[in-house]
Every structure is written in C-alpha cells, then in structure tokens.
Amino acid sequence: MRELEFYVDAGLTPLEAVRVATIQPARWLGVAERQGTVEPGKVADLIAVDGDPTESISNLRKLRFVMKDGQVVRHDPPRA
C-alpha cells in the first residue's frame, strides 16, 4: 500500500495510483480481458477496504477482506 502512497506523494491522483496497480499492469501483461478491473466474467481477486481509496489513498490501509478466485481468504473485523 505504501507504494501507492508514494505515487500520490509524487503527484498522481489517488485514482491514477489505483489504476497503476490494477488495470495498467493487466494491460501491459496482455491479460486485461480477464483481470485488472471488477467486471462480470473476470477473475475475482480483490481487496475491500473501509473508505474510498480514490478520495484518500491511505484508505487502502483499512483492509476489510481479501478475495482470491472468488473466495474470501482473509477477513479483518471492522475497527472501532
């Protein structure tokens, strides 16, 4: 997550930083038709966080769960 914070510190918007970590690598690797964005029919590897990372990239630190191949593999309870 810190790497994305560095991107924002360097001048990218939070949304641009998220794209640098998701759809851009999928395009570079030639796999964007099956991963890199959340869409029906694509591989369901994702994280869920409390808050909107496009508003504040630090919201990525508020991890709720990790999903791999459509299955939750890590779940963190909400923080008080």
C-alpha atoms as a PDB file:
ATOM      1  CA  MET A   1       0.000   0.000   0.000  1.00  0.00           C
ATOM      2  CA  ARG A   2       2.864   2.343   0.751  1.00  0.00           C
ATOM      3  CA  GLU A   3       3.979   2.216  -2.872  1.00  0.00           C
ATOM      4  CA  LEU A   4       0.654   3.722  -3.945  1.00  0.00           C
ATOM      5  CA  GLU A   5       1.016   6.421  -1.294  1.00  0.00           C
ATOM      6  CA  PHE A   6       4.426   7.232  -2.816  1.00  0.00           C
ATOM      7  CA  TYR A   7       2.798   7.580  -6.250  1.00  0.00           C
ATOM      8  CA  VAL A   8       0.308  10.074  -4.809  1.00  0.00           C
ATOM      9  CA  ASP A   9       3.108  11.923  -2.997  1.00  0.00           C
ATOM     10  CA  ALA A  10       4.882  12.151  -6.374  1.00  0.00           C
ATOM     11  CA  GLY A  11       1.856  13.815  -7.984  1.00  0.00           C
ATOM     12  CA  LEU A  12      -0.552  11.141  -9.198  1.00  0.00           C
ATOM     13  CA  THR A  13      -4.165  11.388  -8.122  1.00  0.00           C
ATOM     14  CA  PRO A  14      -5.397   8.560  -5.904  1.00  0.00           C
ATOM     15  CA  LEU A  15      -7.419   7.195  -8.848  1.00  0.00           C
ATOM     16  CA  GLU A  16      -4.359   7.231 -11.098  1.00  0.00           C
ATOM     17  CA  ALA A  17      -2.378   5.381  -8.410  1.00  0.00           C
ATOM     18  CA  VAL A  18      -5.079   2.690  -8.159  1.00  0.00           C
ATOM     19  CA  ARG A  19      -5.034   2.287 -11.943  1.00  0.00           C
ATOM     20  CA  VAL A  20      -1.229   1.971 -11.893  1.00  0.00           C
ATOM     21  CA  ALA A  21      -1.669  -1.025  -9.554  1.00  0.00           C
ATOM     22  CA  THR A  22      -4.606  -2.687 -11.322  1.00  0.00           C
ATOM     23  CA  ILE A  23      -5.624  -2.161 -14.936  1.00  0.00           C
ATOM     24  CA  GLN A  24      -2.281  -0.847 -16.217  1.00  0.00           C
ATOM     25  CA  PRO A  25      -0.261  -3.974 -15.306  1.00  0.00           C
ATOM     26  CA  ALA A  26      -3.055  -6.173 -16.685  1.00  0.00           C
ATOM     27  CA  ARG A  27      -2.839  -4.289 -19.996  1.00  0.00           C
ATOM     28  CA  TRP A  28       0.966  -4.485 -20.084  1.00  0.00           C
ATOM     29  CA  LEU A  29       0.824  -8.230 -19.424  1.00  0.00           C
ATOM     30  CA  GLY A  30      -1.908  -8.775 -22.024  1.00  0.00           C
ATOM     31  CA  VAL A  31      -4.449 -10.147 -19.539  1.00  0.00           C
ATOM     32  CA  ALA A  32      -6.848  -7.177 -19.261  1.00  0.00           C
ATOM     33  CA  GLU A  33      -9.663  -9.193 -20.823  1.00  0.00           C
ATOM     34  CA  ARG A  34      -9.781 -11.418 -17.712  1.00  0.00           C
ATOM     35  CA  GLN A  35      -8.341  -9.323 -14.866  1.00  0.00           C
ATOM     36  CA  GLY A  36      -7.417  -5.795 -13.808  1.00  0.00           C
ATOM     37  CA  THR A  37     -10.936  -4.441 -13.286  1.00  0.00           C
ATOM     38  CA  VAL A  38     -14.034  -5.599 -11.428  1.00  0.00           C
ATOM     39  CA  GLU A  39     -16.470  -6.824 -14.074  1.00  0.00           C
ATOM     40  CA  PRO A  40     -18.693  -9.869 -14.650  1.00  0.00           C
ATOM     41  CA  GLY A  41     -16.694 -12.776 -16.015  1.00  0.00           C
ATOM     42  CA  LYS A  42     -13.318 -11.558 -14.775  1.00  0.00           C
ATOM     43  CA  VAL A  43     -11.121 -13.216 -12.144  1.00  0.00           C
ATOM     44  CA  ALA A  44     -12.327 -12.134  -8.692  1.00  0.00           C
ATOM     45  CA  ASP A  45      -9.085 -11.242  -6.922  1.00  0.00           C
ATOM     46  CA  LEU A  46      -9.668  -8.086  -4.917  1.00  0.00           C
ATOM     47  CA  ILE A  47      -9.479  -6.335  -1.598  1.00  0.00           C
ATOM     48  CA  ALA A  48     -12.235  -4.486   0.221  1.00  0.00           C
ATOM     49  CA  VAL A  49     -11.438  -1.518   2.406  1.00  0.00           C
ATOM     50  CA  ASP A  50     -13.281   0.898   4.657  1.00  0.00           C
ATOM     51  CA  GLY A  51     -13.352   4.183   2.786  1.00  0.00           C
ATOM     52  CA  ASP A  52     -12.788   5.282  -0.774  1.00  0.00           C
ATOM     53  CA  PRO A  53      -9.160   4.984  -1.916  1.00  0.00           C
ATOM     54  CA  THR A  54      -9.862   7.374  -4.791  1.00  0.00           C
ATOM     55  CA  GLU A  55     -10.616  10.029  -2.174  1.00  0.00           C
ATOM     56  CA  SER A  56      -7.619   9.194   0.044  1.00  0.00           C
ATOM     57  CA  ILE A  57      -5.110   6.548  -0.982  1.00  0.00           C
ATOM     58  CA  SER A  58      -4.441   5.874   2.718  1.00  0.00           C
ATOM     59  CA  ASN A  59      -7.890   4.260   2.914  1.00  0.00           C
ATOM     60  CA  LEU A  60      -6.166   1.186   1.424  1.00  0.00           C
ATOM     61  CA  ARG A  61      -4.707   0.644   4.892  1.00  0.00           C
ATOM     62  CA  LYS A  62      -8.245  -0.016   6.231  1.00  0.00           C
ATOM     63  CA  LEU A  63      -8.414  -3.595   4.957  1.00  0.00           C
ATOM     64  CA  ARG A  64     -11.686  -5.492   5.470  1.00  0.00           C
ATOM     65  CA  PHE A  65     -11.126  -8.625   3.388  1.00  0.00           C
ATOM     66  CA  VAL A  66      -9.110 -10.208   0.602  1.00  0.00           C
ATOM     67  CA  MET A  67     -10.788 -12.288  -2.108  1.00  0.00           C
ATOM     68  CA  LYS A  68      -8.879 -14.768  -4.289  1.00  0.00           C
ATOM     69  CA  ASP A  69     -10.625 -16.623  -7.119  1.00  0.00           C
ATOM     70  CA  GLY A  70     -13.992 -15.521  -5.748  1.00  0.00           C
ATOM     71  CA  GLN A  71     -13.338 -16.826  -2.212  1.00  0.00           C
ATOM     72  CA  VAL A  72     -12.622 -14.710   0.873  1.00  0.00           C
ATOM     73  CA  VAL A  73      -9.194 -15.757   2.136  1.00  0.00           C
ATOM     74  CA  ARG A  74      -8.676 -13.090   4.782  1.00  0.00           C
ATOM     75  CA  HIS A  75     -11.224 -11.163   6.772  1.00  0.00           C
ATOM     76  CA  ASP A  76     -10.457  -8.390   9.218  1.00  0.00           C
ATOM     77  CA  PRO A  77     -13.259  -7.262  11.526  1.00  0.00           C
ATOM     78  CA  PRO A  78     -14.197  -3.580  11.404  1.00  0.00           C
ATOM     79  CA  ARG A  79     -12.165  -1.372  13.688  1.00  0.00           C
ATOM     80  CA  ALA A  80     -13.922   0.659  16.358  1.00  0.00           C
END
